[in-house]
Amino acid sequence: MTSYLGKSLLVKKSAAVLLLLLGIVLIVVGLHENSWPIASLGALSLLGGVFLLVLKIVAPNQSIQL
């Protein structure tokens, strides 16, 4: 069985990947339709996904500092 912490990390990772995919789709649709608000929303979504992934990678490594 997975612990509560494992489920929490899985949810965060899944949310980050979904934000990345949503951001890419919105950027493509926004640029194809010449709709800058949609493309901007996609860029924000993409940045949010990257931010969540970076936090997931950095958080466990903070205790390993020399």
Protein backbone atom coordinates (compact mmCIF):
# COMPACT_ATOMS: atom_id res chain seq x y z
CA MET A 1 0.00 0.00 0.00
CA THR A 2 1.13 3.51 -0.66
CA SER A 3 1.31 6.00 2.13
CA TYR A 4 -0.50 9.33 2.29
CA LEU A 5 2.73 11.09 1.33
CA GLY A 6 3.13 8.89 -1.74
CA LYS A 7 -0.42 9.67 -2.87
CA SER A 8 0.17 13.38 -2.32
CA LEU A 9 3.32 13.33 -4.45
CA LEU A 10 1.51 11.40 -7.17
CA VAL A 11 -1.29 13.97 -7.21
CA LYS A 12 1.21 16.85 -7.43
CA LYS A 13 3.12 15.16 -10.23
CA SER A 14 -0.08 14.37 -12.13
CA ALA A 15 -1.31 17.95 -11.73
CA ALA A 16 2.00 19.27 -13.04
CA VAL A 17 1.89 17.03 -16.11
CA LEU A 18 -1.74 17.96 -16.80
CA LEU A 19 -0.87 21.66 -16.53
CA LEU A 20 2.01 21.15 -18.97
CA LEU A 21 -0.23 19.39 -21.48
CA LEU A 22 -3.03 21.94 -21.07
CA GLY A 23 -0.54 24.76 -21.55
CA ILE A 24 0.85 23.27 -24.75
CA VAL A 25 -2.63 22.71 -26.17
CA LEU A 26 -3.79 26.23 -25.28
CA ILE A 27 -0.68 27.80 -26.79
CA VAL A 28 -1.13 25.88 -30.05
CA VAL A 29 -4.83 26.71 -30.27
CA GLY A 30 -4.23 30.35 -29.34
CA LEU A 31 -1.51 30.81 -31.94
CA HIS A 32 -3.49 28.98 -34.62
CA GLU A 33 -6.58 31.13 -34.02
CA ASN A 34 -4.56 34.35 -33.50
CA SER A 35 -6.04 34.63 -30.01
CA TRP A 36 -3.39 36.04 -27.73
CA PRO A 37 -5.45 35.76 -24.53
CA ILE A 38 -5.77 31.99 -25.04
CA ALA A 39 -2.06 31.69 -25.87
CA SER A 40 -1.20 33.73 -22.76
CA LEU A 41 -3.37 31.51 -20.60
CA GLY A 42 -1.56 28.52 -22.09
CA ALA A 43 1.80 30.06 -21.30
CA LEU A 44 0.74 30.64 -17.68
CA SER A 45 -0.49 27.07 -17.44
CA LEU A 46 2.77 25.79 -18.89
CA LEU A 47 4.79 27.86 -16.42
CA GLY A 48 2.63 26.60 -13.54
CA GLY A 49 3.32 23.00 -14.56
CA VAL A 50 7.04 23.62 -14.80
CA PHE A 51 6.98 25.35 -11.41
CA LEU A 52 5.24 22.37 -9.77
CA LEU A 53 7.72 19.92 -11.28
CA VAL A 54 10.67 22.02 -10.15
CA LEU A 55 9.25 22.19 -6.62
CA LYS A 56 8.80 18.42 -6.61
CA ILE A 57 12.44 17.91 -7.60
CA VAL A 58 13.95 20.57 -5.31
CA ALA A 59 12.00 19.77 -2.11
CA PRO A 60 13.50 16.30 -1.43
CA ASN A 61 17.00 17.50 -2.31
CA GLN A 62 17.08 20.33 0.25
CA SER A 63 18.07 17.96 3.06
CA ILE A 64 21.14 16.75 1.10
CA GLN A 65 22.99 20.08 1.12
CA LEU A 66 26.66 20.00 2.16
